[in-house]
Amino acid sequence: MKEMITPPKQVGVNTNCNDPMMGDKVYDYYNGALEADEVRVFEQHMIQCARCEKVVLELDRIIFSLEEIEREANTPTADRNQVRVQPLRRLRKN
């Protein structure tokens, strides 16, 4: 079973969000757990909310960094004693 990305316990997701109810959906949006109409509403919200846009972009940056580490660790010249890194993938609702 794949793990979903969840917000850290010590920091509220909706801190400085212009609509806290929408801000609470940022991780569901990122994990692909929203319905199509909810995605459209959340993306409209992100146009007006720099905080939610920043959170989504930061999650993308983290995933990209983990994928870079994975590629480096899995190259033929990589030290075979290193642990292979498997980053979390963005989940999509079918």
Protein backbone atom coordinates (compact mmCIF):
# COMPACT_ATOMS: atom_id res chain seq x y z
CA MET A 1 0.00 0.00 0.00
CA LYS A 2 1.34 3.44 -0.90
CA GLU A 3 1.55 6.07 1.78
CA MET A 4 -0.13 9.40 1.23
CA ILE A 5 1.64 12.65 1.99
CA THR A 6 0.16 14.17 5.12
CA PRO A 7 0.64 17.56 6.75
CA PRO A 8 3.08 17.87 9.62
CA LYS A 9 1.31 17.82 12.99
CA GLN A 10 3.00 20.93 14.36
CA VAL A 11 2.11 23.26 11.47
CA GLY A 12 -1.44 24.03 10.37
CA VAL A 13 -1.90 23.67 6.64
CA ASN A 14 -4.26 26.61 6.47
CA THR A 15 -1.87 29.05 8.22
CA ASN A 16 -2.15 32.31 6.28
CA CYS A 17 -4.56 30.73 3.81
CA ASN A 18 -7.25 33.14 2.67
CA ASP A 19 -9.89 30.35 2.97
CA PRO A 20 -9.00 27.85 5.73
CA MET A 21 -11.60 25.30 4.57
CA MET A 22 -9.92 25.21 1.16
CA GLY A 23 -6.47 25.23 2.76
CA ASP A 24 -7.35 22.00 4.55
CA LYS A 25 -7.71 20.32 1.14
CA VAL A 26 -4.17 21.01 -0.08
CA TYR A 27 -2.86 17.51 0.74
CA ASP A 28 -5.96 15.83 -0.70
CA TYR A 29 -5.37 17.85 -3.88
CA TYR A 30 -1.72 16.87 -4.01
CA ASN A 31 -2.49 13.19 -3.40
CA GLY A 32 -5.18 13.17 -6.10
CA ALA A 33 -7.94 12.44 -3.59
CA LEU A 34 -10.35 15.13 -4.82
CA GLU A 35 -13.15 14.69 -7.34
CA ALA A 36 -12.79 16.50 -10.68
CA ASP A 37 -15.10 19.37 -9.67
CA GLU A 38 -13.25 19.75 -6.35
CA VAL A 39 -9.94 19.92 -8.25
CA ARG A 40 -11.25 22.80 -10.37
CA VAL A 41 -12.45 24.68 -7.28
CA PHE A 42 -9.15 24.12 -5.46
CA GLU A 43 -7.11 25.24 -8.49
CA GLN A 44 -9.21 28.42 -8.66
CA HIS A 45 -8.48 28.90 -4.96
CA MET A 46 -4.72 28.51 -5.57
CA ILE A 47 -4.84 31.36 -8.11
CA GLN A 48 -5.83 33.66 -5.25
CA CYS A 49 -3.97 31.96 -2.36
CA ALA A 50 -0.20 32.16 -2.42
CA ARG A 51 0.06 29.93 0.67
CA CYS A 52 -1.69 26.93 -0.90
CA GLU A 53 0.20 27.39 -4.16
CA LYS A 54 3.47 27.48 -2.20
CA VAL A 55 2.64 24.25 -0.34
CA VAL A 56 1.87 22.40 -3.59
CA LEU A 57 5.04 23.71 -5.26
CA GLU A 58 7.12 22.75 -2.22
CA LEU A 59 5.71 19.22 -2.29
CA ASP A 60 6.63 18.97 -5.99
CA ARG A 61 10.16 20.20 -5.20
CA ILE A 62 10.56 17.59 -2.46
CA ILE A 63 9.34 14.76 -4.71
CA PHE A 64 11.64 15.94 -7.52
CA SER A 65 14.61 15.99 -5.12
CA LEU A 66 13.82 12.47 -3.92
CA GLU A 67 13.59 11.27 -7.52
CA GLU A 68 17.02 12.82 -8.24
CA ILE A 69 18.48 10.99 -5.23
CA GLU A 70 16.87 7.76 -6.46
CA ARG A 71 18.36 8.20 -9.95
CA GLU A 72 21.81 8.88 -8.53
CA ALA A 73 21.61 5.92 -6.14
CA ASN A 74 20.52 3.57 -8.92
CA THR A 75 23.13 4.50 -11.52
CA PRO A 76 25.67 1.83 -12.56
CA THR A 77 28.49 3.81 -10.90
CA ALA A 78 26.64 4.11 -7.59
CA ASP A 79 28.12 2.44 -4.53
CA ARG A 80 26.34 -0.91 -4.19
CA ASN A 81 26.35 -0.56 -0.39
CA GLN A 82 23.98 2.41 -0.58
CA VAL A 83 20.32 1.98 0.20
CA ARG A 84 18.04 2.27 -2.81
CA VAL A 85 15.67 5.21 -2.43
CA GLN A 86 12.04 4.88 -3.43
CA PRO A 87 10.22 8.25 -3.22
CA LEU A 88 6.53 8.50 -2.62
CA ARG A 89 4.56 8.92 -5.81
CA ARG A 90 1.64 11.26 -6.23
CA LEU A 91 -1.51 9.20 -5.96
CA ARG A 92 -4.34 9.62 -8.41
CA LYS A 93 -7.95 8.73 -7.83
CA ASN A 94 -9.21 6.39 -10.57
